[in-house]
Amino acid sequence: MPSFAKTNRNKVRRLSERGVYDAETIYAIVDEALICHVGFVHEGQAFVIPTIHAREGDTIYLHGAKASRLLDHARQGESLCITVTLVDGIVAARSAFHSSMNYRSAVLFGCGRLVEEPAAKLHALAVLTEHVLPGRWAEVRPTTAKEVNATSVVAVTIDSASAKTRSGPPSDDEEDYALPIWAGILPLQQGFLPPVPDPKLTEQLAVPASVQNAGHGRGSKP
């Protein structure tokens, strides 16, 4: 995958050595995350909305109710800023100043367009479903035309992006390494707990493959 050009729009300014611009790294972060936050300005007021996303190539799909303010803004072709953050651990340094987190974050810029053609819209909804639980789309009943019509889908073409990451142990002041203070990393990992069946199930059913395999192999796709 190519890299995004470094511009005033996507340039990492604070701790610039942590900045990453290659699409492969950025997209892997986007694909691993279950939600994103979308920033936009509507009638002079800034908003940041958490929502489900899914990536296909250089496109991010967003969906929601037709009355959604975010999607109404996006489908008008206005600029959006999409952010994703994964926390990998807490870095406990010998001083509060140097304490930190290990993380992977991505910031993407682009403009939205409304997906209106029914087949394209249904495809986008399948991509969104598969992002959350791969394999689930084939397990559920078919989505109805009424449900498709009630949902707005916006495709955001990624024009510019960057990632910022931190990993490794604390970076303390040289003179602090001799202090008798514990320092290190407290790793953090997101994981799924055992599934809980809906009490309204009419019969005992086996847990489907999409639920059994949740979290296995989450990561970048083409």
N, C-alpha and C. Protein backbone atom coordinates (compact mmCIF):
# COMPACT_ATOMS: atom_id res chain seq x y z
N MET A 1 0.84 -1.19 0.00
CA MET A 1 0.00 0.00 0.00
C MET A 1 0.87 1.24 0.00
N PRO A 2 0.43 2.30 -0.67
CA PRO A 2 1.21 3.55 -0.69
C PRO A 2 1.11 4.30 0.63
N SER A 3 1.85 5.39 0.71
CA SER A 3 1.79 6.26 1.89
C SER A 3 1.02 7.53 1.54
N PHE A 4 0.43 8.15 2.56
CA PHE A 4 -0.23 9.43 2.38
C PHE A 4 0.81 10.54 2.43
N ALA A 5 0.68 11.50 1.54
CA ALA A 5 1.59 12.64 1.53
C ALA A 5 1.45 13.42 2.84
N LYS A 6 2.58 13.84 3.38
CA LYS A 6 2.57 14.63 4.62
C LYS A 6 2.24 16.08 4.27
N THR A 7 1.15 16.59 4.80
CA THR A 7 0.70 17.96 4.53
C THR A 7 0.39 18.66 5.85
N ASN A 8 0.05 19.94 5.78
CA ASN A 8 -0.36 20.66 6.98
C ASN A 8 -1.62 20.07 7.60
N ARG A 9 -2.39 19.37 6.79
CA ARG A 9 -3.64 18.79 7.26
C ARG A 9 -3.41 17.56 8.13
N ASN A 10 -2.52 16.67 7.72
CA ASN A 10 -2.36 15.40 8.44
C ASN A 10 -1.04 15.26 9.19
N LYS A 11 -0.20 16.27 9.14
CA LYS A 11 1.12 16.19 9.76
C LYS A 11 1.02 16.05 11.28
N VAL A 12 1.75 15.07 11.83
CA VAL A 12 1.83 14.90 13.28
C VAL A 12 2.82 15.92 13.81
N ARG A 13 2.38 16.81 14.68
CA ARG A 13 3.22 17.92 15.13
C ARG A 13 3.86 17.64 16.49
N ARG A 14 3.10 17.20 17.44
CA ARG A 14 3.64 16.91 18.77
C ARG A 14 4.25 15.52 18.74
N LEU A 15 5.54 15.41 19.13
CA LEU A 15 6.27 14.14 19.06
C LEU A 15 6.18 13.57 17.65
N SER A 16 6.63 14.35 16.70
CA SER A 16 6.49 14.00 15.29
C SER A 16 7.18 12.69 14.93
N GLU A 17 8.17 12.26 15.73
CA GLU A 17 8.86 11.01 15.43
C GLU A 17 7.93 9.79 15.59
N ARG A 18 6.80 9.99 16.23
CA ARG A 18 5.83 8.91 16.37
C ARG A 18 4.85 8.86 15.20
N GLY A 19 4.94 9.81 14.31
CA GLY A 19 4.02 9.87 13.18
C GLY A 19 4.29 8.80 12.14
N VAL A 20 3.23 8.23 11.60
CA VAL A 20 3.32 7.21 10.56
C VAL A 20 2.34 7.59 9.45
N TYR A 21 2.76 7.42 8.20
CA TYR A 21 1.93 7.87 7.08
C TYR A 21 1.63 6.76 6.06
N ASP A 22 2.14 5.55 6.29
CA ASP A 22 1.86 4.50 5.32
C ASP A 22 0.47 3.93 5.55
N ALA A 23 -0.24 3.69 4.45
CA ALA A 23 -1.63 3.26 4.52
C ALA A 23 -1.79 1.92 5.22
N GLU A 24 -0.83 1.03 5.05
CA GLU A 24 -0.94 -0.30 5.66
C GLU A 24 -1.05 -0.20 7.17
N THR A 25 -0.20 0.62 7.80
CA THR A 25 -0.24 0.79 9.25
C THR A 25 -1.53 1.48 9.69
N ILE A 26 -1.89 2.53 8.96
CA ILE A 26 -3.09 3.30 9.31
C ILE A 26 -4.34 2.43 9.20
N TYR A 27 -4.46 1.70 8.11
CA TYR A 27 -5.66 0.90 7.89
C TYR A 27 -5.77 -0.26 8.86
N ALA A 28 -4.64 -0.81 9.29
CA ALA A 28 -4.68 -1.89 10.28
C ALA A 28 -5.28 -1.39 11.59
N ILE A 29 -4.97 -0.17 11.98
CA ILE A 29 -5.54 0.43 13.20
C ILE A 29 -7.05 0.62 13.02
N VAL A 30 -7.44 1.16 11.88
CA VAL A 30 -8.86 1.40 11.59
C VAL A 30 -9.64 0.09 11.62
N ASP A 31 -9.06 -0.97 11.03
CA ASP A 31 -9.77 -2.24 10.93
C ASP A 31 -9.89 -2.96 12.27
N GLU A 32 -8.95 -2.74 13.15
CA GLU A 32 -8.99 -3.42 14.45
C GLU A 32 -10.01 -2.80 15.39
N ALA A 33 -10.26 -1.51 15.23
CA ALA A 33 -11.17 -0.79 16.13
C ALA A 33 -12.63 -1.12 15.84
N LEU A 34 -13.43 -1.23 16.89
CA LEU A 34 -14.86 -1.50 16.73
C LEU A 34 -15.67 -0.23 16.47
N ILE A 35 -15.19 0.89 16.97
CA ILE A 35 -15.87 2.16 16.72
C ILE A 35 -14.85 3.23 16.34
N CYS A 36 -15.37 4.31 15.79
CA CYS A 36 -14.54 5.48 15.51
C CYS A 36 -15.26 6.70 16.07
N HIS A 37 -14.59 7.84 16.05
CA HIS A 37 -15.21 9.11 16.42
C HIS A 37 -15.11 10.04 15.21
N VAL A 38 -16.24 10.63 14.86
CA VAL A 38 -16.30 11.48 13.67
C VAL A 38 -16.50 12.93 14.10
N GLY A 39 -15.58 13.80 13.71
CA GLY A 39 -15.67 15.21 14.03
C GLY A 39 -16.15 16.02 12.85
N PHE A 40 -17.02 16.99 13.12
CA PHE A 40 -17.54 17.86 12.06
C PHE A 40 -18.06 19.14 12.71
N VAL A 41 -18.24 20.15 11.89
CA VAL A 41 -18.78 21.44 12.36
C VAL A 41 -20.13 21.66 11.69
N HIS A 42 -21.17 21.84 12.51
CA HIS A 42 -22.52 22.03 12.00
C HIS A 42 -23.09 23.33 12.56
N GLU A 43 -23.40 24.25 11.67
CA GLU A 43 -23.95 25.55 12.07
C GLU A 43 -23.08 26.23 13.12
N GLY A 44 -21.76 26.16 12.92
CA GLY A 44 -20.82 26.85 13.78
C GLY A 44 -20.47 26.12 15.06
N GLN A 45 -21.10 24.97 15.32
CA GLN A 45 -20.84 24.20 16.53
C GLN A 45 -20.07 22.94 16.16
N ALA A 46 -18.97 22.68 16.89
CA ALA A 46 -18.19 21.46 16.65
C ALA A 46 -18.82 20.29 17.39
N PHE A 47 -18.86 19.12 16.73
CA PHE A 47 -19.37 17.90 17.32
C PHE A 47 -18.38 16.76 17.06
N VAL A 48 -18.30 15.83 17.99
CA VAL A 48 -17.54 14.59 17.81
C VAL A 48 -18.46 13.45 18.23
N ILE A 49 -18.80 12.59 17.26
CA ILE A 49 -19.79 11.55 17.48
C ILE A 49 -19.16 10.17 17.38
N PRO A 50 -19.35 9.31 18.40
CA PRO A 50 -18.87 7.93 18.29
C PRO A 50 -19.84 7.12 17.44
N THR A 51 -19.32 6.27 16.57
CA THR A 51 -20.20 5.49 15.71
C THR A 51 -19.46 4.26 15.19
N ILE A 52 -20.22 3.30 14.68
CA ILE A 52 -19.65 2.13 14.03
C ILE A 52 -19.16 2.53 12.65
N HIS A 53 -18.06 1.96 12.25
CA HIS A 53 -17.50 2.24 10.93
C HIS A 53 -17.05 0.93 10.30
N ALA A 54 -16.76 0.99 9.03
CA ALA A 54 -16.14 -0.14 8.35
C ALA A 54 -15.38 0.41 7.15
N ARG A 55 -14.23 -0.20 6.88
CA ARG A 55 -13.41 0.25 5.75
C ARG A 55 -13.44 -0.78 4.62
N GLU A 56 -13.50 -0.27 3.41
CA GLU A 56 -13.36 -1.09 2.22
C GLU A 56 -12.46 -0.32 1.25
N GLY A 57 -11.23 -0.80 1.09
CA GLY A 57 -10.27 -0.06 0.27
C GLY A 57 -9.99 1.30 0.89
N ASP A 58 -10.14 2.35 0.12
CA ASP A 58 -9.91 3.72 0.60
C ASP A 58 -11.21 4.41 1.00
N THR A 59 -12.22 3.62 1.32
CA THR A 59 -13.53 4.17 1.69
C THR A 59 -13.91 3.73 3.09
N ILE A 60 -14.45 4.66 3.86
CA ILE A 60 -15.04 4.37 5.17
C ILE A 60 -16.55 4.49 5.04
N TYR A 61 -17.27 3.47 5.49
CA TYR A 61 -18.73 3.51 5.51
C TYR A 61 -19.21 3.88 6.91
N LEU A 62 -20.21 4.78 6.94
CA LEU A 62 -20.91 5.15 8.17
C LEU A 62 -22.39 4.95 7.91
N HIS A 63 -23.16 4.62 8.95
CA HIS A 63 -24.59 4.45 8.74
C HIS A 63 -25.35 4.90 9.98
N GLY A 64 -26.66 5.10 9.81
CA GLY A 64 -27.49 5.51 10.92
C GLY A 64 -28.87 5.88 10.44
N ALA A 65 -29.67 6.45 11.34
CA ALA A 65 -31.02 6.87 11.00
C ALA A 65 -30.97 8.04 10.02
N LYS A 66 -32.02 8.15 9.21
CA LYS A 66 -32.05 9.22 8.23
C LYS A 66 -32.03 10.61 8.87
N ALA A 67 -32.48 10.68 10.12
CA ALA A 67 -32.51 11.98 10.81
C ALA A 67 -31.16 12.33 11.45
N SER A 68 -30.15 11.48 11.30
CA SER A 68 -28.85 11.71 11.93
C SER A 68 -28.22 13.01 11.45
N ARG A 69 -27.85 13.86 12.40
CA ARG A 69 -27.21 15.13 12.06
C ARG A 69 -25.84 14.89 11.42
N LEU A 70 -25.12 13.91 11.94
CA LEU A 70 -23.81 13.58 11.38
C LEU A 70 -23.93 13.15 9.93
N LEU A 71 -24.85 12.22 9.64
CA LEU A 71 -24.97 11.72 8.27
C LEU A 71 -25.54 12.78 7.34
N ASP A 72 -26.40 13.64 7.87
CA ASP A 72 -26.92 14.74 7.04
C ASP A 72 -25.78 15.66 6.63
N HIS A 73 -24.88 15.92 7.56
CA HIS A 73 -23.70 16.75 7.26
C HIS A 73 -22.80 16.04 6.26
N ALA A 74 -22.56 14.76 6.47
CA ALA A 74 -21.64 14.01 5.63
C ALA A 74 -22.14 13.87 4.20
N ARG A 75 -23.43 13.63 4.03
CA ARG A 75 -23.94 13.39 2.68
C ARG A 75 -23.98 14.66 1.83
N GLN A 76 -23.79 15.81 2.48
CA GLN A 76 -23.70 17.05 1.74
C GLN A 76 -22.30 17.30 1.18
N GLY A 77 -21.40 16.33 1.43
CA GLY A 77 -20.06 16.46 0.90
C GLY A 77 -19.15 17.32 1.74
N GLU A 78 -19.56 17.61 2.98
CA GLU A 78 -18.75 18.44 3.86
C GLU A 78 -17.56 17.62 4.41
N SER A 79 -16.53 18.34 4.84
CA SER A 79 -15.32 17.70 5.34
C SER A 79 -15.57 17.04 6.70
N LEU A 80 -14.95 15.85 6.86
CA LEU A 80 -15.06 15.11 8.11
C LEU A 80 -13.66 14.74 8.60
N CYS A 81 -13.53 14.59 9.91
CA CYS A 81 -12.31 14.09 10.52
C CYS A 81 -12.68 12.85 11.33
N ILE A 82 -12.14 11.70 10.95
CA ILE A 82 -12.45 10.43 11.59
C ILE A 82 -11.23 9.98 12.40
N THR A 83 -11.44 9.66 13.67
CA THR A 83 -10.32 9.24 14.53
C THR A 83 -10.60 7.88 15.16
N VAL A 84 -9.53 7.13 15.35
CA VAL A 84 -9.58 5.81 15.97
C VAL A 84 -8.42 5.72 16.95
N THR A 85 -8.65 5.15 18.12
CA THR A 85 -7.59 4.98 19.11
C THR A 85 -7.65 3.58 19.72
N LEU A 86 -6.50 2.92 19.78
CA LEU A 86 -6.35 1.63 20.45
C LEU A 86 -5.32 1.80 21.56
N VAL A 87 -5.68 1.46 22.80
CA VAL A 87 -4.76 1.58 23.93
C VAL A 87 -4.17 0.20 24.21
N ASP A 88 -2.85 0.10 24.19
CA ASP A 88 -2.16 -1.18 24.37
C ASP A 88 -1.56 -1.35 25.77
N GLY A 89 -1.52 -0.28 26.54
CA GLY A 89 -0.97 -0.43 27.88
C GLY A 89 -0.74 0.91 28.56
N ILE A 90 -0.63 0.86 29.88
CA ILE A 90 -0.29 2.04 30.67
C ILE A 90 1.20 1.99 30.98
N VAL A 91 1.87 3.08 30.74
CA VAL A 91 3.31 3.18 30.98
C VAL A 91 3.52 3.90 32.31
N ALA A 92 3.96 3.17 33.32
CA ALA A 92 4.20 3.73 34.64
C ALA A 92 5.67 4.10 34.77
N ALA A 93 5.94 5.39 34.68
CA ALA A 93 7.33 5.87 34.76
C ALA A 93 7.68 6.19 36.22
N ARG A 94 8.91 6.60 36.42
CA ARG A 94 9.38 6.95 37.76
C ARG A 94 8.92 8.35 38.17
N SER A 95 8.36 9.07 37.24
CA SER A 95 7.79 10.39 37.52
C SER A 95 6.44 10.47 36.84
N ALA A 96 5.55 11.29 37.39
CA ALA A 96 4.25 11.49 36.75
C ALA A 96 4.41 12.13 35.38
N PHE A 97 5.43 12.98 35.26
CA PHE A 97 5.65 13.71 34.01
C PHE A 97 5.90 12.77 32.85
N HIS A 98 6.65 11.71 33.08
CA HIS A 98 7.01 10.79 32.00
C HIS A 98 6.09 9.57 31.91
N SER A 99 5.12 9.48 32.80
CA SER A 99 4.14 8.41 32.68
C SER A 99 3.31 8.64 31.42
N SER A 100 2.88 7.55 30.80
CA SER A 100 2.25 7.68 29.50
C SER A 100 1.36 6.47 29.22
N MET A 101 1.03 6.26 27.97
CA MET A 101 0.32 5.08 27.50
C MET A 101 0.98 4.60 26.22
N ASN A 102 0.93 3.30 26.00
CA ASN A 102 1.27 2.75 24.70
C ASN A 102 -0.03 2.69 23.90
N TYR A 103 0.00 3.18 22.70
CA TYR A 103 -1.24 3.33 21.94
C TYR A 103 -0.95 3.31 20.45
N ARG A 104 -2.02 3.12 19.69
CA ARG A 104 -2.00 3.28 18.24
C ARG A 104 -3.23 4.10 17.87
N SER A 105 -3.02 5.19 17.19
CA SER A 105 -4.14 6.05 16.82
C SER A 105 -4.03 6.43 15.35
N ALA A 106 -5.17 6.73 14.77
CA ALA A 106 -5.21 7.14 13.36
C ALA A 106 -6.19 8.29 13.21
N VAL A 107 -5.83 9.22 12.35
CA VAL A 107 -6.69 10.36 12.02
C VAL A 107 -6.85 10.38 10.51
N LEU A 108 -8.11 10.38 10.06
CA LEU A 108 -8.39 10.34 8.63
C LEU A 108 -9.26 11.52 8.24
N PHE A 109 -9.01 12.06 7.05
CA PHE A 109 -9.77 13.19 6.54
C PHE A 109 -10.42 12.81 5.22
N GLY A 110 -11.62 13.30 5.01
CA GLY A 110 -12.29 13.05 3.74
C GLY A 110 -13.67 13.67 3.72
N CYS A 111 -14.32 13.56 2.58
CA CYS A 111 -15.67 14.08 2.41
C CYS A 111 -16.62 12.93 2.11
N GLY A 112 -17.85 13.07 2.57
CA GLY A 112 -18.82 12.00 2.41
C GLY A 112 -19.70 12.17 1.18
N ARG A 113 -20.28 11.05 0.78
CA ARG A 113 -21.31 11.06 -0.28
C ARG A 113 -22.36 10.04 0.11
N LEU A 114 -23.59 10.36 -0.17
CA LEU A 114 -24.70 9.47 0.17
C LEU A 114 -24.71 8.27 -0.77
N VAL A 115 -24.83 7.09 -0.19
CA VAL A 115 -24.97 5.87 -0.99
C VAL A 115 -26.47 5.63 -1.17
N GLU A 116 -26.97 5.75 -2.38
CA GLU A 116 -28.40 5.69 -2.64
C GLU A 116 -28.84 4.45 -3.40
N GLU A 117 -28.02 3.96 -4.31
CA GLU A 117 -28.40 2.81 -5.12
C GLU A 117 -28.61 1.61 -4.19
N PRO A 118 -29.80 0.96 -4.24
CA PRO A 118 -30.14 -0.08 -3.26
C PRO A 118 -29.10 -1.19 -3.12
N ALA A 119 -28.57 -1.69 -4.23
CA ALA A 119 -27.59 -2.78 -4.14
C ALA A 119 -26.30 -2.32 -3.47
N ALA A 120 -25.86 -1.10 -3.81
CA ALA A 120 -24.65 -0.55 -3.21
C ALA A 120 -24.85 -0.29 -1.71
N LYS A 121 -26.05 0.14 -1.37
CA LYS A 121 -26.39 0.41 0.03
C LYS A 121 -26.41 -0.89 0.82
N LEU A 122 -27.01 -1.93 0.24
CA LEU A 122 -27.05 -3.22 0.91
C LEU A 122 -25.64 -3.78 1.08
N HIS A 123 -24.80 -3.59 0.07
CA HIS A 123 -23.41 -4.04 0.17
C HIS A 123 -22.69 -3.33 1.31
N ALA A 124 -22.89 -2.02 1.43
CA ALA A 124 -22.25 -1.26 2.50
C ALA A 124 -22.71 -1.74 3.87
N LEU A 125 -23.99 -2.05 4.01
CA LEU A 125 -24.50 -2.56 5.29
C LEU A 125 -23.91 -3.92 5.61
N ALA A 126 -23.67 -4.73 4.58
CA ALA A 126 -23.01 -6.02 4.80
C ALA A 126 -21.58 -5.81 5.28
N VAL A 127 -20.87 -4.84 4.68
CA VAL A 127 -19.49 -4.55 5.08
C VAL A 127 -19.46 -4.09 6.54
N LEU A 128 -20.41 -3.25 6.93
CA LEU A 128 -20.48 -2.77 8.31
C LEU A 128 -20.75 -3.92 9.28
N THR A 129 -21.67 -4.80 8.92
CA THR A 129 -21.99 -5.94 9.77
C THR A 129 -20.78 -6.86 9.92
N GLU A 130 -20.09 -7.10 8.82
CA GLU A 130 -18.94 -7.99 8.84
C GLU A 130 -17.76 -7.39 9.61
N HIS A 131 -17.70 -6.07 9.67
CA HIS A 131 -16.64 -5.44 10.46
C HIS A 131 -16.80 -5.77 11.94
N VAL A 132 -18.04 -5.77 12.41
CA VAL A 132 -18.29 -6.03 13.83
C VAL A 132 -18.18 -7.51 14.15
N LEU A 133 -18.84 -8.36 13.36
CA LEU A 133 -18.81 -9.81 13.57
C LEU A 133 -18.63 -10.49 12.21
N PRO A 134 -17.41 -10.77 11.82
CA PRO A 134 -17.19 -11.45 10.53
C PRO A 134 -17.98 -12.76 10.43
N GLY A 135 -18.72 -12.90 9.34
CA GLY A 135 -19.53 -14.08 9.13
C GLY A 135 -20.98 -13.92 9.54
N ARG A 136 -21.31 -12.84 10.23
CA ARG A 136 -22.67 -12.66 10.76
C ARG A 136 -23.70 -12.40 9.66
N TRP A 137 -23.32 -11.70 8.61
CA TRP A 137 -24.26 -11.32 7.55
C TRP A 137 -24.95 -12.55 6.97
N ALA A 138 -24.23 -13.64 6.86
CA ALA A 138 -24.80 -14.87 6.28
C ALA A 138 -25.66 -15.62 7.29
N GLU A 139 -25.57 -15.29 8.57
CA GLU A 139 -26.30 -16.01 9.60
C GLU A 139 -27.66 -15.40 9.92
N VAL A 140 -27.81 -14.11 9.67
CA VAL A 140 -29.05 -13.43 10.04
C VAL A 140 -30.07 -13.49 8.89
N ARG A 141 -31.32 -13.18 9.17
CA ARG A 141 -32.31 -13.14 8.10
C ARG A 141 -31.98 -12.00 7.14
N PRO A 142 -32.39 -12.11 5.89
CA PRO A 142 -32.08 -11.06 4.91
C PRO A 142 -32.67 -9.71 5.33
N THR A 143 -31.90 -8.67 5.09
CA THR A 143 -32.36 -7.31 5.36
C THR A 143 -33.46 -6.94 4.38
N THR A 144 -34.54 -6.34 4.89
CA THR A 144 -35.68 -6.01 4.03
C THR A 144 -35.46 -4.67 3.34
N ALA A 145 -36.21 -4.47 2.27
CA ALA A 145 -36.16 -3.20 1.54
C ALA A 145 -36.57 -2.05 2.45
N LYS A 146 -37.54 -2.29 3.35
CA LYS A 146 -37.98 -1.26 4.28
C LYS A 146 -36.85 -0.85 5.21
N GLU A 147 -36.08 -1.83 5.68
CA GLU A 147 -34.95 -1.53 6.58
C GLU A 147 -33.85 -0.77 5.85
N VAL A 148 -33.59 -1.17 4.62
CA VAL A 148 -32.59 -0.45 3.82
C VAL A 148 -33.02 0.99 3.61
N ASN A 149 -34.30 1.19 3.31
CA ASN A 149 -34.82 2.53 3.05
C ASN A 149 -34.79 3.41 4.30
N ALA A 150 -34.91 2.78 5.47
CA ALA A 150 -34.93 3.55 6.72
C ALA A 150 -33.54 3.94 7.21
N THR A 151 -32.52 3.43 6.54
CA THR A 151 -31.13 3.65 6.97
C THR A 151 -30.40 4.54 5.98
N SER A 152 -29.66 5.49 6.49
CA SER A 152 -28.77 6.30 5.65
C SER A 152 -27.37 5.70 5.70
N VAL A 153 -26.73 5.63 4.56
CA VAL A 153 -25.35 5.15 4.47
C VAL A 153 -24.53 6.20 3.74
N VAL A 154 -23.41 6.54 4.33
CA VAL A 154 -22.50 7.52 3.74
C VAL A 154 -21.15 6.87 3.50
N ALA A 155 -20.60 7.08 2.33
CA ALA A 155 -19.25 6.60 2.01
C ALA A 155 -18.30 7.79 2.07
N VAL A 156 -17.24 7.66 2.83
CA VAL A 156 -16.24 8.72 2.98
C VAL A 156 -14.96 8.26 2.30
N THR A 157 -14.56 8.95 1.27
CA THR A 157 -13.30 8.64 0.60
C THR A 157 -12.15 9.25 1.41
N ILE A 158 -11.18 8.41 1.77
CA ILE A 158 -10.06 8.87 2.60
C ILE A 158 -9.09 9.65 1.71
N ASP A 159 -9.03 10.96 1.91
CA ASP A 159 -8.15 11.81 1.11
C ASP A 159 -6.77 11.95 1.74
N SER A 160 -6.74 11.93 3.07
CA SER A 160 -5.50 12.18 3.80
C SER A 160 -5.59 11.48 5.14
N ALA A 161 -4.45 11.03 5.66
CA ALA A 161 -4.48 10.31 6.93
C ALA A 161 -3.08 10.25 7.53
N SER A 162 -3.05 9.98 8.83
CA SER A 162 -1.78 9.73 9.51
C SER A 162 -2.07 8.89 10.74
N ALA A 163 -1.04 8.25 11.25
CA ALA A 163 -1.15 7.50 12.50
C ALA A 163 -0.10 7.99 13.47
N LYS A 164 -0.33 7.74 14.73
CA LYS A 164 0.64 8.08 15.77
C LYS A 164 0.65 6.92 16.75
N THR A 165 1.84 6.44 17.09
CA THR A 165 1.95 5.28 17.96
C THR A 165 3.01 5.48 19.02
N ARG A 166 2.84 4.77 20.12
CA ARG A 166 3.89 4.68 21.14
C ARG A 166 3.94 3.24 21.61
N SER A 167 5.14 2.74 21.82
CA SER A 167 5.34 1.41 22.37
C SER A 167 6.61 1.40 23.20
N GLY A 168 6.78 0.37 24.00
CA GLY A 168 8.02 0.24 24.76
C GLY A 168 7.93 0.74 26.18
N PRO A 169 9.04 0.65 26.92
CA PRO A 169 9.08 0.99 28.34
C PRO A 169 9.09 2.50 28.58
N PRO A 170 9.07 2.91 29.85
CA PRO A 170 9.11 4.34 30.15
C PRO A 170 10.40 4.99 29.65
N SER A 171 10.31 6.27 29.37
CA SER A 171 11.49 7.07 29.02
C SER A 171 11.69 8.10 30.13
N ASP A 172 12.42 7.69 31.15
CA ASP A 172 12.62 8.55 32.31
C ASP A 172 13.85 9.45 32.13
N ASP A 173 13.92 10.47 32.98
CA ASP A 173 15.14 11.27 33.03
C ASP A 173 16.28 10.38 33.52
N GLU A 174 17.47 10.59 32.98
CA GLU A 174 18.61 9.71 33.27
C GLU A 174 18.87 9.59 34.76
N GLU A 175 18.76 10.69 35.50
CA GLU A 175 19.05 10.65 36.93
C GLU A 175 17.99 9.90 37.72
N ASP A 176 16.79 9.69 37.13
CA ASP A 176 15.71 9.02 37.85
C ASP A 176 15.81 7.50 37.80
N TYR A 177 16.64 6.96 36.90
CA TYR A 177 16.73 5.51 36.80
C TYR A 177 17.28 4.86 38.07
N ALA A 178 18.02 5.60 38.86
CA ALA A 178 18.58 5.05 40.10
C ALA A 178 17.60 5.10 41.27
N LEU A 179 16.44 5.73 41.10
CA LEU A 179 15.47 5.84 42.20
C LEU A 179 14.81 4.48 42.48
N PRO A 180 14.55 4.19 43.76
CA PRO A 180 13.90 2.92 44.13
C PRO A 180 12.38 2.98 43.91
N ILE A 181 11.99 3.26 42.69
CA ILE A 181 10.57 3.38 42.32
C ILE A 181 10.29 2.38 41.19
N TRP A 182 9.26 1.53 41.37
CA TRP A 182 8.93 0.58 40.32
C TRP A 182 8.46 1.30 39.07
N ALA A 183 8.92 0.85 37.94
CA ALA A 183 8.49 1.41 36.67
C ALA A 183 8.31 0.27 35.68
N GLY A 184 7.44 0.45 34.71
CA GLY A 184 7.22 -0.59 33.72
C GLY A 184 5.94 -0.36 32.95
N ILE A 185 5.43 -1.43 32.36
CA ILE A 185 4.24 -1.36 31.52
C ILE A 185 3.16 -2.26 32.11
N LEU A 186 1.94 -1.76 32.13
CA LEU A 186 0.77 -2.56 32.47
C LEU A 186 0.02 -2.82 31.16
N PRO A 187 0.24 -3.97 30.53
CA PRO A 187 -0.39 -4.22 29.22
C PRO A 187 -1.91 -4.24 29.32
N LEU A 188 -2.54 -3.80 28.25
CA LEU A 188 -4.00 -3.75 28.18
C LEU A 188 -4.43 -4.41 26.88
N GLN A 189 -5.39 -5.32 26.99
CA GLN A 189 -5.86 -6.02 25.80
C GLN A 189 -7.38 -6.13 25.85
N GLN A 190 -8.02 -5.76 24.75
CA GLN A 190 -9.47 -5.89 24.66
C GLN A 190 -9.83 -7.32 24.27
N GLY A 191 -10.81 -7.88 24.96
CA GLY A 191 -11.21 -9.25 24.65
C GLY A 191 -12.69 -9.45 24.92
N PHE A 192 -13.24 -10.47 24.31
CA PHE A 192 -14.66 -10.79 24.49
C PHE A 192 -14.85 -11.79 25.61
N LEU A 193 -15.91 -11.62 26.38
CA LEU A 193 -16.30 -12.57 27.41
C LEU A 193 -17.22 -13.62 26.79
N PRO A 194 -17.52 -14.70 27.53
CA PRO A 194 -18.41 -15.72 26.98
C PRO A 194 -19.76 -15.12 26.56
N PRO A 195 -20.31 -15.56 25.44
CA PRO A 195 -21.58 -15.00 24.97
C PRO A 195 -22.74 -15.32 25.90
N VAL A 196 -23.68 -14.40 25.99
CA VAL A 196 -24.87 -14.54 26.83
C VAL A 196 -26.09 -14.64 25.91
N PRO A 197 -26.80 -15.75 25.90
CA PRO A 197 -27.94 -15.90 24.98
C PRO A 197 -29.11 -14.99 25.35
N ASP A 198 -29.83 -14.57 24.34
CA ASP A 198 -31.05 -13.78 24.53
C ASP A 198 -32.08 -14.63 25.28
N PRO A 199 -32.64 -14.13 26.39
CA PRO A 199 -33.62 -14.92 27.12
C PRO A 199 -34.88 -15.20 26.31
N LYS A 200 -35.08 -14.50 25.20
CA LYS A 200 -36.27 -14.72 24.38
C LYS A 200 -36.05 -15.75 23.27
N LEU A 201 -34.89 -16.42 23.29
CA LEU A 201 -34.69 -17.52 22.34
C LEU A 201 -35.77 -18.58 22.58
N THR A 202 -36.38 -19.04 21.50
CA THR A 202 -37.48 -19.99 21.64
C THR A 202 -37.00 -21.43 21.81
N GLU A 203 -35.73 -21.67 21.56
CA GLU A 203 -35.16 -23.00 21.73
C GLU A 203 -33.67 -22.88 21.98
N GLN A 204 -33.07 -23.95 22.43
CA GLN A 204 -31.62 -23.95 22.65
C GLN A 204 -30.93 -24.06 21.30
N LEU A 205 -30.11 -23.10 21.03
CA LEU A 205 -29.41 -23.08 19.75
C LEU A 205 -27.91 -23.00 20.00
N ALA A 206 -27.16 -23.60 19.12
CA ALA A 206 -25.70 -23.55 19.22
C ALA A 206 -25.23 -22.12 18.94
N VAL A 207 -24.17 -21.73 19.62
CA VAL A 207 -23.58 -20.41 19.37
C VAL A 207 -23.00 -20.41 17.95
N PRO A 208 -23.39 -19.44 17.11
CA PRO A 208 -22.94 -19.45 15.72
C PRO A 208 -21.45 -19.14 15.59
N ALA A 209 -20.92 -19.46 14.43
CA ALA A 209 -19.48 -19.31 14.20
C ALA A 209 -19.03 -17.87 14.34
N SER A 210 -19.86 -16.91 13.89
CA SER A 210 -19.44 -15.51 13.97
C SER A 210 -19.20 -15.07 15.41
N VAL A 211 -20.02 -15.59 16.33
CA VAL A 211 -19.88 -15.23 17.75
C VAL A 211 -18.73 -16.02 18.38
N GLN A 212 -18.63 -17.30 18.04
CA GLN A 212 -17.53 -18.12 18.58
C GLN A 212 -16.16 -17.57 18.18
N ASN A 213 -16.08 -17.06 16.97
CA ASN A 213 -14.79 -16.61 16.44
C ASN A 213 -14.55 -15.12 16.61
N ALA A 214 -15.42 -14.44 17.34
CA ALA A 214 -15.28 -12.99 17.51
C ALA A 214 -13.90 -12.64 18.05
N GLY A 215 -13.26 -11.72 17.42
CA GLY A 215 -11.95 -11.25 17.87
C GLY A 215 -10.80 -12.01 17.29
N HIS A 216 -11.04 -13.17 16.67
CA HIS A 216 -9.94 -13.94 16.09
C HIS A 216 -9.52 -13.30 14.77
N GLY A 217 -8.27 -12.91 14.70
CA GLY A 217 -7.75 -12.39 13.44
C GLY A 217 -8.24 -11.02 13.07
N ARG A 218 -8.72 -10.22 14.07
CA ARG A 218 -9.10 -8.85 13.74
C ARG A 218 -7.87 -8.10 13.27
N GLY A 219 -8.03 -7.33 12.23
CA GLY A 219 -6.89 -6.59 11.73
C GLY A 219 -7.14 -6.11 10.33
N SER A 220 -6.07 -5.77 9.63
CA SER A 220 -6.21 -5.13 8.34
C SER A 220 -6.71 -6.09 7.28
N LYS A 221 -7.48 -5.54 6.37
CA LYS A 221 -7.97 -6.27 5.21
C LYS A 221 -7.64 -5.42 3.97
N PRO A 222 -7.85 -5.92 2.76
CA PRO A 222 -7.51 -5.15 1.55
C PRO A 222 -8.27 -3.85 1.48
